[in-house]
């Protein structure tokens, strides 16, 4: 299972549990709604932070792979040029 799906599943489960718990709690409706809104905003902020961390990690991995590919292409060009020069020398 992909890490993103696990993180999103955990966040969704936590949010659902918190909402159900608040709805069952013996408080005034307005106080409960305020708690739900506040908790929802906190979960949204956490989800946003986790998503940004994931995007940063993916971007970093992309840059690493891109640099490796450039290095391999450079080596390949050198080998082709070397082989062509050796062939011309014959």
C-alpha atoms as a PDB file:
ATOM      1  CA  UNK A   1       0.000   0.000   0.000  1.00  0.00           C
ATOM      2  CA  UNK A   2       1.326   3.454  -0.875  1.00  0.00           C
ATOM      3  CA  UNK A   3       2.384   5.696   2.023  1.00  0.00           C
ATOM      4  CA  UNK A   4       0.097   8.479   0.823  1.00  0.00           C
ATOM      5  CA  UNK A   5      -2.947   6.231   1.064  1.00  0.00           C
ATOM      6  CA  UNK A   6      -1.950   5.137   4.550  1.00  0.00           C
ATOM      7  CA  UNK A   7      -1.493   8.729   5.745  1.00  0.00           C
ATOM      8  CA  UNK A   8      -4.779   9.836   4.202  1.00  0.00           C
ATOM      9  CA  UNK A   9      -6.577   6.815   5.673  1.00  0.00           C
ATOM     10  CA  UNK A  10      -5.227   7.533   9.137  1.00  0.00           C
ATOM     11  CA  UNK A  11      -6.169  11.214   8.887  1.00  0.00           C
ATOM     12  CA  UNK A  12      -9.662  10.401   7.629  1.00  0.00           C
ATOM     13  CA  UNK A  13     -10.191   7.825  10.389  1.00  0.00           C
ATOM     14  CA  UNK A  14      -8.991  10.224  13.052  1.00  0.00           C
ATOM     15  CA  UNK A  15     -11.233  12.985  11.729  1.00  0.00           C
ATOM     16  CA  UNK A  16     -14.263  10.690  11.584  1.00  0.00           C
ATOM     17  CA  UNK A  17     -13.613   9.440  15.114  1.00  0.00           C
ATOM     18  CA  UNK A  18     -13.229  12.948  16.465  1.00  0.00           C
ATOM     19  CA  UNK A  19     -16.432  14.133  14.804  1.00  0.00           C
ATOM     20  CA  UNK A  20     -18.456  11.158  16.060  1.00  0.00           C
ATOM     21  CA  UNK A  21     -17.049  11.639  19.548  1.00  0.00           C
ATOM     22  CA  UNK A  22     -18.003  15.298  19.560  1.00  0.00           C
ATOM     23  CA  UNK A  23     -21.482  14.634  18.241  1.00  0.00           C
ATOM     24  CA  UNK A  24     -22.145  12.114  21.003  1.00  0.00           C
ATOM     25  CA  UNK A  25     -20.684  14.360  23.724  1.00  0.00           C
ATOM     26  CA  UNK A  26     -23.190  16.057  26.066  1.00  0.00           C
ATOM     27  CA  UNK A  27     -22.551  19.694  25.065  1.00  0.00           C
ATOM     28  CA  UNK A  28     -24.583  22.494  23.570  1.00  0.00           C
ATOM     29  CA  UNK A  29     -24.932  22.318  19.806  1.00  0.00           C
ATOM     30  CA  UNK A  30     -23.154  25.630  19.243  1.00  0.00           C
ATOM     31  CA  UNK A  31     -20.199  24.545  21.394  1.00  0.00           C
ATOM     32  CA  UNK A  32     -20.033  21.217  19.595  1.00  0.00           C
ATOM     33  CA  UNK A  33     -20.122  22.902  16.186  1.00  0.00           C
ATOM     34  CA  UNK A  34     -17.331  25.254  17.243  1.00  0.00           C
ATOM     35  CA  UNK A  35     -15.239  22.289  18.397  1.00  0.00           C
ATOM     36  CA  UNK A  36     -15.910  20.462  15.137  1.00  0.00           C
ATOM     37  CA  UNK A  37     -14.885  23.508  13.114  1.00  0.00           C
ATOM     38  CA  UNK A  38     -11.747  24.046  15.182  1.00  0.00           C
ATOM     39  CA  UNK A  39     -10.769  20.367  15.070  1.00  0.00           C
ATOM     40  CA  UNK A  40     -11.497  20.230  11.342  1.00  0.00           C
ATOM     41  CA  UNK A  41      -9.238  23.209  10.777  1.00  0.00           C
ATOM     42  CA  UNK A  42      -6.481  21.539  12.804  1.00  0.00           C
ATOM     43  CA  UNK A  43      -6.801  18.306  10.814  1.00  0.00           C
ATOM     44  CA  UNK A  44      -6.833  20.252   7.561  1.00  0.00           C
ATOM     45  CA  UNK A  45      -3.643  22.045   8.579  1.00  0.00           C
ATOM     46  CA  UNK A  46      -1.981  18.736   9.532  1.00  0.00           C
ATOM     47  CA  UNK A  47      -3.055  17.176   6.240  1.00  0.00           C
ATOM     48  CA  UNK A  48      -1.697  20.184   4.354  1.00  0.00           C
ATOM     49  CA  UNK A  49       1.634  19.911   6.189  1.00  0.00           C
ATOM     50  CA  UNK A  50       1.883  16.165   5.497  1.00  0.00           C
ATOM     51  CA  UNK A  51       1.031  16.739   1.835  1.00  0.00           C
ATOM     52  CA  UNK A  52       3.700  19.439   1.554  1.00  0.00           C
ATOM     53  CA  UNK A  53       6.249  17.099   3.157  1.00  0.00           C
ATOM     54  CA  UNK A  54       5.287  14.394   0.665  1.00  0.00           C
ATOM     55  CA  UNK A  55       5.590  16.810  -2.272  1.00  0.00           C
ATOM     56  CA  UNK A  56       9.008  17.926  -1.026  1.00  0.00           C
ATOM     57  CA  UNK A  57      10.170  14.312  -0.732  1.00  0.00           C
ATOM     58  CA  UNK A  58       8.901  13.473  -4.220  1.00  0.00           C
ATOM     59  CA  UNK A  59      10.545  16.601  -5.652  1.00  0.00           C
ATOM     60  CA  UNK A  60      13.835  15.718  -4.000  1.00  0.00           C
ATOM     61  CA  UNK A  61      13.672  12.160  -5.339  1.00  0.00           C
ATOM     62  CA  UNK A  62      12.807  13.480  -8.818  1.00  0.00           C
ATOM     63  CA  UNK A  63      15.824  15.801  -8.746  1.00  0.00           C
ATOM     64  CA  UNK A  64      18.086  12.940  -7.659  1.00  0.00           C
ATOM     65  CA  UNK A  65      16.845  10.683 -10.462  1.00  0.00           C
ATOM     66  CA  UNK A  66      17.136  13.536 -12.961  1.00  0.00           C
ATOM     67  CA  UNK A  67      20.773  14.150 -11.999  1.00  0.00           C
ATOM     68  CA  UNK A  68      21.539  10.421 -12.217  1.00  0.00           C
ATOM     69  CA  UNK A  69      19.979  10.302 -15.670  1.00  0.00           C
ATOM     70  CA  UNK A  70      22.069  13.276 -16.798  1.00  0.00           C
ATOM     71  CA  UNK A  71      25.200  11.549 -15.540  1.00  0.00           C
ATOM     72  CA  UNK A  72      24.315   8.328 -17.366  1.00  0.00           C
ATOM     73  CA  UNK A  73      23.556  10.205 -20.583  1.00  0.00           C
ATOM     74  CA  UNK A  74      26.901  12.000 -20.304  1.00  0.00           C
ATOM     75  CA  UNK A  75      28.735   8.704 -19.832  1.00  0.00           C
ATOM     76  CA  UNK A  76      26.870   7.195 -22.780  1.00  0.00           C
ATOM     77  CA  UNK A  77      27.814  10.113 -25.014  1.00  0.00           C
ATOM     78  CA  UNK A  78      31.453   9.763 -23.971  1.00  0.00           C
ATOM     79  CA  UNK A  79      31.434   6.046 -24.791  1.00  0.00           C
ATOM     80  CA  UNK A  80      29.795   6.652 -28.178  1.00  0.00           C
ATOM     81  CA  UNK A  81      32.300   9.387 -28.988  1.00  0.00           C
ATOM     82  CA  UNK A  82      35.157   7.140 -27.876  1.00  0.00           C
ATOM     83  CA  UNK A  83      33.880   4.239 -29.963  1.00  0.00           C
ATOM     84  CA  UNK A  84      33.423   6.497 -32.987  1.00  0.00           C
ATOM     85  CA  UNK A  85      36.964   7.877 -32.614  1.00  0.00           C
ATOM     86  CA  UNK A  86      38.374   4.351 -32.303  1.00  0.00           C
ATOM     87  CA  UNK A  87      36.478   3.294 -35.399  1.00  0.00           C
ATOM     88  CA  UNK A  88      37.800   6.264 -37.398  1.00  0.00           C
ATOM     89  CA  UNK A  89      41.353   5.446 -36.250  1.00  0.00           C
ATOM     90  CA  UNK A  90      41.177   1.970 -37.854  1.00  0.00           C
END
